[in-house]
Amino acid sequence: MEDTFWADDKNTALELAALIKEHRGESVIVMDLREINYWTDFFVVATVSSNTHLQGLQRHIKDYAHEKGIEILRRRRKTNADDGWNLTDLGNIVIHLMSEKSRSFYELERLWSAAVIISP
């Protein structure tokens, strides 16, 4: 049986993935890193279609975090318009919003291949 603390983080990650999908994030996955990583428990990874789409999703994530009382520890802002990768660190959950080009280049799923992929 899963500990309530872990279940809450897992449910939050799945809720965030559903929120991103609802707002047209593509290829959304949740990666369970609890068995292989010490600094975070879940990645939520999604492909965005444009910088404007990315900014809109970040706004929805910020609103969700505020509503749930979750502190955003860090948000990596784009330093250059061609970067195509932003992350939002919620502590136990890190959200990666990536352009298709960045997602295929960095291949987080391959890099973290030992993670369990959870379908949102």
N, C-alpha and C. Protein backbone atom coordinates (compact mmCIF):
# COMPACT_ATOMS: atom_id res chain seq x y z
N MET A 1 0.84 -1.18 0.00
CA MET A 1 0.00 0.00 0.00
C MET A 1 0.89 1.25 0.00
N GLU A 2 0.53 2.22 -0.79
CA GLU A 2 1.33 3.43 -0.93
C GLU A 2 1.09 4.38 0.24
N ASP A 3 2.17 4.90 0.80
CA ASP A 3 2.10 5.86 1.89
C ASP A 3 1.28 7.08 1.44
N THR A 4 0.48 7.65 2.34
CA THR A 4 -0.38 8.79 2.00
C THR A 4 0.43 9.96 1.48
N PHE A 5 1.61 10.22 2.07
CA PHE A 5 2.46 11.31 1.60
C PHE A 5 2.81 11.13 0.14
N TRP A 6 3.24 9.91 -0.23
CA TRP A 6 3.60 9.63 -1.62
C TRP A 6 2.38 9.72 -2.52
N ALA A 7 1.28 9.20 -2.03
CA ALA A 7 0.06 9.21 -2.85
C ALA A 7 -0.38 10.64 -3.15
N ASP A 8 -0.25 11.53 -2.18
CA ASP A 8 -0.62 12.94 -2.41
C ASP A 8 0.23 13.54 -3.52
N ASP A 9 1.55 13.31 -3.48
CA ASP A 9 2.43 13.84 -4.53
C ASP A 9 2.09 13.22 -5.89
N LYS A 10 1.83 11.94 -5.90
CA LYS A 10 1.48 11.26 -7.15
C LYS A 10 0.17 11.84 -7.70
N ASN A 11 -0.82 11.99 -6.84
CA ASN A 11 -2.10 12.56 -7.28
C ASN A 11 -1.93 13.99 -7.79
N THR A 12 -1.10 14.77 -7.10
CA THR A 12 -0.86 16.14 -7.55
C THR A 12 -0.19 16.14 -8.91
N ALA A 13 0.80 15.27 -9.10
CA ALA A 13 1.48 15.17 -10.41
C ALA A 13 0.49 14.80 -11.50
N LEU A 14 -0.41 13.85 -11.19
CA LEU A 14 -1.41 13.44 -12.18
C LEU A 14 -2.42 14.55 -12.45
N GLU A 15 -2.79 15.30 -11.42
CA GLU A 15 -3.70 16.45 -11.62
C GLU A 15 -3.04 17.51 -12.50
N LEU A 16 -1.76 17.77 -12.25
CA LEU A 16 -1.04 18.75 -13.08
C LEU A 16 -0.95 18.28 -14.53
N ALA A 17 -0.68 16.99 -14.71
CA ALA A 17 -0.63 16.44 -16.08
C ALA A 17 -1.98 16.60 -16.77
N ALA A 18 -3.06 16.33 -16.05
CA ALA A 18 -4.41 16.47 -16.62
C ALA A 18 -4.69 17.93 -16.96
N LEU A 19 -4.27 18.84 -16.09
CA LEU A 19 -4.45 20.27 -16.35
C LEU A 19 -3.71 20.68 -17.62
N ILE A 20 -2.49 20.21 -17.78
CA ILE A 20 -1.69 20.54 -18.96
C ILE A 20 -2.34 19.96 -20.22
N LYS A 21 -2.81 18.71 -20.12
CA LYS A 21 -3.51 18.09 -21.27
C LYS A 21 -4.77 18.87 -21.62
N GLU A 22 -5.50 19.29 -20.60
CA GLU A 22 -6.74 20.04 -20.81
C GLU A 22 -6.48 21.33 -21.58
N HIS A 23 -5.29 21.89 -21.40
CA HIS A 23 -4.94 23.13 -22.08
C HIS A 23 -3.98 22.88 -23.26
N ARG A 24 -4.17 21.73 -23.86
CA ARG A 24 -3.54 21.34 -25.13
C ARG A 24 -2.05 21.07 -25.08
N GLY A 25 -1.54 20.75 -23.91
CA GLY A 25 -0.18 20.22 -23.84
C GLY A 25 -0.19 18.86 -24.54
N GLU A 26 0.87 18.55 -25.24
CA GLU A 26 0.91 17.31 -26.02
C GLU A 26 1.89 16.32 -25.41
N SER A 27 1.65 15.05 -25.67
CA SER A 27 2.54 13.96 -25.21
C SER A 27 2.88 14.11 -23.73
N VAL A 28 1.87 14.35 -22.92
CA VAL A 28 2.06 14.58 -21.50
C VAL A 28 2.30 13.25 -20.78
N ILE A 29 3.37 13.21 -19.98
CA ILE A 29 3.66 12.03 -19.17
C ILE A 29 4.03 12.44 -17.76
N VAL A 30 3.87 11.51 -16.84
CA VAL A 30 4.35 11.66 -15.48
C VAL A 30 5.40 10.58 -15.28
N MET A 31 6.58 10.99 -14.82
CA MET A 31 7.66 10.04 -14.57
C MET A 31 7.85 9.92 -13.05
N ASP A 32 7.75 8.69 -12.56
CA ASP A 32 7.93 8.41 -11.14
C ASP A 32 9.41 8.13 -10.90
N LEU A 33 10.07 9.06 -10.21
CA LEU A 33 11.52 8.98 -9.98
C LEU A 33 11.87 8.56 -8.55
N ARG A 34 10.89 8.20 -7.75
CA ARG A 34 11.12 7.95 -6.33
C ARG A 34 12.18 6.88 -6.06
N GLU A 35 12.27 5.87 -6.89
CA GLU A 35 13.22 4.79 -6.65
C GLU A 35 14.62 5.09 -7.17
N ILE A 36 14.78 6.14 -7.99
CA ILE A 36 16.08 6.36 -8.64
C ILE A 36 16.66 7.75 -8.41
N ASN A 37 15.99 8.60 -7.66
CA ASN A 37 16.43 9.98 -7.51
C ASN A 37 16.18 10.45 -6.09
N TYR A 38 17.02 11.35 -5.61
CA TYR A 38 16.86 11.83 -4.23
C TYR A 38 16.33 13.26 -4.13
N TRP A 39 16.40 14.06 -5.19
CA TRP A 39 16.04 15.47 -5.07
C TRP A 39 14.64 15.82 -5.55
N THR A 40 13.96 14.93 -6.21
CA THR A 40 12.56 15.12 -6.57
C THR A 40 11.93 13.75 -6.79
N ASP A 41 10.61 13.70 -6.76
CA ASP A 41 9.91 12.42 -6.86
C ASP A 41 9.24 12.19 -8.21
N PHE A 42 8.75 13.27 -8.84
CA PHE A 42 8.03 13.14 -10.09
C PHE A 42 8.43 14.23 -11.07
N PHE A 43 8.51 13.86 -12.34
CA PHE A 43 8.59 14.82 -13.43
C PHE A 43 7.24 14.77 -14.14
N VAL A 44 6.75 15.93 -14.54
CA VAL A 44 5.63 16.02 -15.47
C VAL A 44 6.25 16.65 -16.72
N VAL A 45 6.16 15.96 -17.84
CA VAL A 45 6.79 16.42 -19.07
C VAL A 45 5.71 16.59 -20.14
N ALA A 46 5.77 17.72 -20.85
CA ALA A 46 4.79 17.98 -21.91
C ALA A 46 5.43 18.78 -23.03
N THR A 47 4.91 18.58 -24.21
CA THR A 47 5.34 19.33 -25.38
C THR A 47 4.38 20.49 -25.60
N VAL A 48 4.94 21.68 -25.86
CA VAL A 48 4.14 22.87 -26.14
C VAL A 48 4.32 23.26 -27.60
N SER A 49 3.33 23.98 -28.12
CA SER A 49 3.35 24.31 -29.55
C SER A 49 4.01 25.66 -29.86
N SER A 50 4.13 26.53 -28.84
CA SER A 50 4.71 27.84 -29.08
C SER A 50 5.09 28.47 -27.75
N ASN A 51 5.80 29.58 -27.81
CA ASN A 51 6.16 30.31 -26.60
C ASN A 51 4.90 30.85 -25.91
N THR A 52 3.93 31.29 -26.68
CA THR A 52 2.68 31.78 -26.12
C THR A 52 1.94 30.65 -25.40
N HIS A 53 1.91 29.49 -26.00
CA HIS A 53 1.29 28.31 -25.38
C HIS A 53 2.00 27.98 -24.07
N LEU A 54 3.30 28.01 -24.09
CA LEU A 54 4.09 27.73 -22.89
C LEU A 54 3.76 28.71 -21.77
N GLN A 55 3.69 29.98 -22.09
CA GLN A 55 3.38 31.00 -21.08
C GLN A 55 1.98 30.81 -20.51
N GLY A 56 1.05 30.44 -21.36
CA GLY A 56 -0.32 30.17 -20.89
C GLY A 56 -0.35 28.98 -19.93
N LEU A 57 0.37 27.91 -20.28
CA LEU A 57 0.42 26.74 -19.40
C LEU A 57 1.08 27.09 -18.07
N GLN A 58 2.13 27.91 -18.11
CA GLN A 58 2.78 28.31 -16.86
C GLN A 58 1.80 29.09 -15.98
N ARG A 59 0.98 29.89 -16.57
CA ARG A 59 -0.02 30.66 -15.82
C ARG A 59 -1.02 29.71 -15.15
N HIS A 60 -1.47 28.68 -15.88
CA HIS A 60 -2.40 27.70 -15.32
C HIS A 60 -1.75 26.92 -14.18
N ILE A 61 -0.48 26.57 -14.35
CA ILE A 61 0.25 25.85 -13.30
C ILE A 61 0.39 26.73 -12.06
N LYS A 62 0.73 28.00 -12.27
CA LYS A 62 0.86 28.94 -11.15
C LYS A 62 -0.46 29.08 -10.41
N ASP A 63 -1.56 29.21 -11.14
CA ASP A 63 -2.88 29.32 -10.52
C ASP A 63 -3.23 28.06 -9.73
N TYR A 64 -2.92 26.89 -10.30
CA TYR A 64 -3.17 25.62 -9.62
C TYR A 64 -2.37 25.55 -8.32
N ALA A 65 -1.10 25.88 -8.39
CA ALA A 65 -0.24 25.83 -7.20
C ALA A 65 -0.76 26.78 -6.12
N HIS A 66 -1.15 27.97 -6.53
CA HIS A 66 -1.69 28.94 -5.57
C HIS A 66 -2.96 28.41 -4.90
N GLU A 67 -3.84 27.86 -5.71
CA GLU A 67 -5.11 27.31 -5.21
C GLU A 67 -4.89 26.17 -4.22
N LYS A 68 -3.88 25.34 -4.48
CA LYS A 68 -3.60 24.17 -3.63
C LYS A 68 -2.63 24.47 -2.49
N GLY A 69 -2.12 25.72 -2.44
CA GLY A 69 -1.17 26.07 -1.38
C GLY A 69 0.21 25.46 -1.59
N ILE A 70 0.58 25.24 -2.83
CA ILE A 70 1.88 24.65 -3.17
C ILE A 70 2.84 25.78 -3.53
N GLU A 71 3.99 25.79 -2.90
CA GLU A 71 4.98 26.82 -3.17
C GLU A 71 5.77 26.48 -4.44
N ILE A 72 5.92 27.46 -5.31
CA ILE A 72 6.79 27.30 -6.48
C ILE A 72 8.19 27.69 -6.02
N LEU A 73 9.07 26.69 -5.97
CA LEU A 73 10.42 26.92 -5.46
C LEU A 73 11.29 27.65 -6.48
N ARG A 74 11.08 27.31 -7.73
CA ARG A 74 11.91 27.91 -8.77
C ARG A 74 11.20 27.75 -10.11
N ARG A 75 11.33 28.77 -10.90
CA ARG A 75 10.84 28.71 -12.27
C ARG A 75 11.98 29.14 -13.16
N ARG A 76 12.41 28.27 -14.03
CA ARG A 76 13.49 28.62 -14.95
C ARG A 76 12.87 29.35 -16.12
N ARG A 77 13.26 30.59 -16.23
CA ARG A 77 12.73 31.42 -17.31
C ARG A 77 13.64 31.33 -18.53
N LYS A 78 13.03 31.51 -19.66
CA LYS A 78 13.81 31.47 -20.90
C LYS A 78 14.77 32.64 -20.96
N THR A 79 15.98 32.32 -21.33
CA THR A 79 16.96 33.38 -21.53
C THR A 79 17.05 33.72 -23.01
N ASN A 80 16.45 32.90 -23.83
CA ASN A 80 16.52 33.11 -25.26
C ASN A 80 15.31 32.43 -25.90
N ALA A 81 14.72 33.07 -26.84
CA ALA A 81 13.45 32.61 -27.42
C ALA A 81 13.57 31.26 -28.11
N ASP A 82 14.77 30.83 -28.48
CA ASP A 82 14.94 29.55 -29.16
C ASP A 82 15.17 28.39 -28.20
N ASP A 83 15.23 28.68 -26.90
CA ASP A 83 15.54 27.66 -25.91
C ASP A 83 14.51 26.53 -25.93
N GLY A 84 13.24 26.84 -25.80
CA GLY A 84 12.20 25.85 -25.92
C GLY A 84 12.05 24.90 -24.75
N TRP A 85 12.58 25.25 -23.58
CA TRP A 85 12.46 24.37 -22.41
C TRP A 85 12.35 25.23 -21.17
N ASN A 86 11.27 25.07 -20.45
CA ASN A 86 11.07 25.76 -19.18
C ASN A 86 10.68 24.74 -18.14
N LEU A 87 11.13 24.99 -16.93
CA LEU A 87 10.71 24.08 -15.86
C LEU A 87 10.19 24.87 -14.69
N THR A 88 9.29 24.23 -13.97
CA THR A 88 8.73 24.77 -12.74
C THR A 88 8.98 23.74 -11.66
N ASP A 89 9.69 24.16 -10.61
CA ASP A 89 10.07 23.27 -9.52
C ASP A 89 9.12 23.46 -8.35
N LEU A 90 8.36 22.41 -8.04
CA LEU A 90 7.45 22.44 -6.91
C LEU A 90 7.99 21.58 -5.76
N GLY A 91 9.27 21.29 -5.80
CA GLY A 91 9.89 20.45 -4.76
C GLY A 91 9.84 19.00 -5.16
N ASN A 92 8.80 18.30 -4.74
CA ASN A 92 8.67 16.87 -5.06
C ASN A 92 8.21 16.62 -6.49
N ILE A 93 7.80 17.68 -7.18
CA ILE A 93 7.34 17.58 -8.56
C ILE A 93 8.03 18.68 -9.38
N VAL A 94 8.61 18.28 -10.50
CA VAL A 94 9.22 19.24 -11.42
C VAL A 94 8.51 19.12 -12.76
N ILE A 95 8.01 20.25 -13.26
CA ILE A 95 7.27 20.27 -14.51
C ILE A 95 8.17 20.79 -15.62
N HIS A 96 8.28 20.01 -16.69
CA HIS A 96 9.09 20.37 -17.85
C HIS A 96 8.15 20.65 -19.02
N LEU A 97 8.14 21.89 -19.49
CA LEU A 97 7.38 22.27 -20.69
C LEU A 97 8.40 22.51 -21.78
N MET A 98 8.31 21.74 -22.85
CA MET A 98 9.35 21.74 -23.87
C MET A 98 8.76 21.85 -25.27
N SER A 99 9.51 22.55 -26.14
CA SER A 99 9.14 22.54 -27.56
C SER A 99 9.42 21.14 -28.08
N GLU A 100 8.83 20.80 -29.20
CA GLU A 100 9.07 19.49 -29.81
C GLU A 100 10.55 19.29 -30.09
N LYS A 101 11.20 20.34 -30.59
CA LYS A 101 12.64 20.27 -30.91
C LYS A 101 13.47 19.99 -29.66
N SER A 102 13.20 20.72 -28.58
CA SER A 102 13.95 20.52 -27.34
C SER A 102 13.67 19.14 -26.74
N ARG A 103 12.42 18.72 -26.81
CA ARG A 103 12.08 17.43 -26.22
C ARG A 103 12.79 16.29 -26.93
N SER A 104 12.85 16.36 -28.25
CA SER A 104 13.54 15.30 -28.99
C SER A 104 15.06 15.40 -28.82
N PHE A 105 15.58 16.60 -28.62
CA PHE A 105 17.03 16.76 -28.42
C PHE A 105 17.47 16.25 -27.05
N TYR A 106 16.76 16.65 -25.98
CA TYR A 106 17.18 16.29 -24.62
C TYR A 106 16.73 14.90 -24.19
N GLU A 107 15.68 14.37 -24.78
CA GLU A 107 15.22 13.00 -24.54
C GLU A 107 15.18 12.63 -23.06
N LEU A 108 14.40 13.38 -22.28
CA LEU A 108 14.31 13.10 -20.85
C LEU A 108 13.84 11.68 -20.57
N GLU A 109 12.94 11.17 -21.39
CA GLU A 109 12.46 9.81 -21.19
C GLU A 109 13.60 8.80 -21.31
N ARG A 110 14.51 9.03 -22.22
CA ARG A 110 15.65 8.12 -22.38
C ARG A 110 16.67 8.35 -21.27
N LEU A 111 16.93 9.62 -20.95
CA LEU A 111 17.89 9.94 -19.90
C LEU A 111 17.47 9.34 -18.55
N TRP A 112 16.18 9.38 -18.27
CA TRP A 112 15.63 8.84 -17.03
C TRP A 112 14.88 7.54 -17.32
N SER A 113 15.45 6.68 -18.13
CA SER A 113 14.75 5.47 -18.59
C SER A 113 14.39 4.49 -17.47
N ALA A 114 15.06 4.61 -16.33
CA ALA A 114 14.72 3.73 -15.21
C ALA A 114 13.47 4.17 -14.47
N ALA A 115 12.96 5.36 -14.80
CA ALA A 115 11.74 5.86 -14.16
C ALA A 115 10.52 5.09 -14.64
N VAL A 116 9.54 5.01 -13.77
CA VAL A 116 8.26 4.40 -14.15
C VAL A 116 7.41 5.50 -14.78
N ILE A 117 6.89 5.24 -15.98
CA ILE A 117 6.04 6.20 -16.67
C ILE A 117 4.59 5.91 -16.27
N ILE A 118 3.93 6.95 -15.81
CA ILE A 118 2.52 6.85 -15.39
C ILE A 118 1.69 7.62 -16.41
N SER A 119 0.69 6.98 -16.95
CA SER A 119 -0.20 7.66 -17.90
C SER A 119 -1.16 8.55 -17.14
N PRO A 120 -1.21 9.83 -17.52
CA PRO A 120 -2.16 10.74 -16.85
C PRO A 120 -3.59 10.49 -17.28
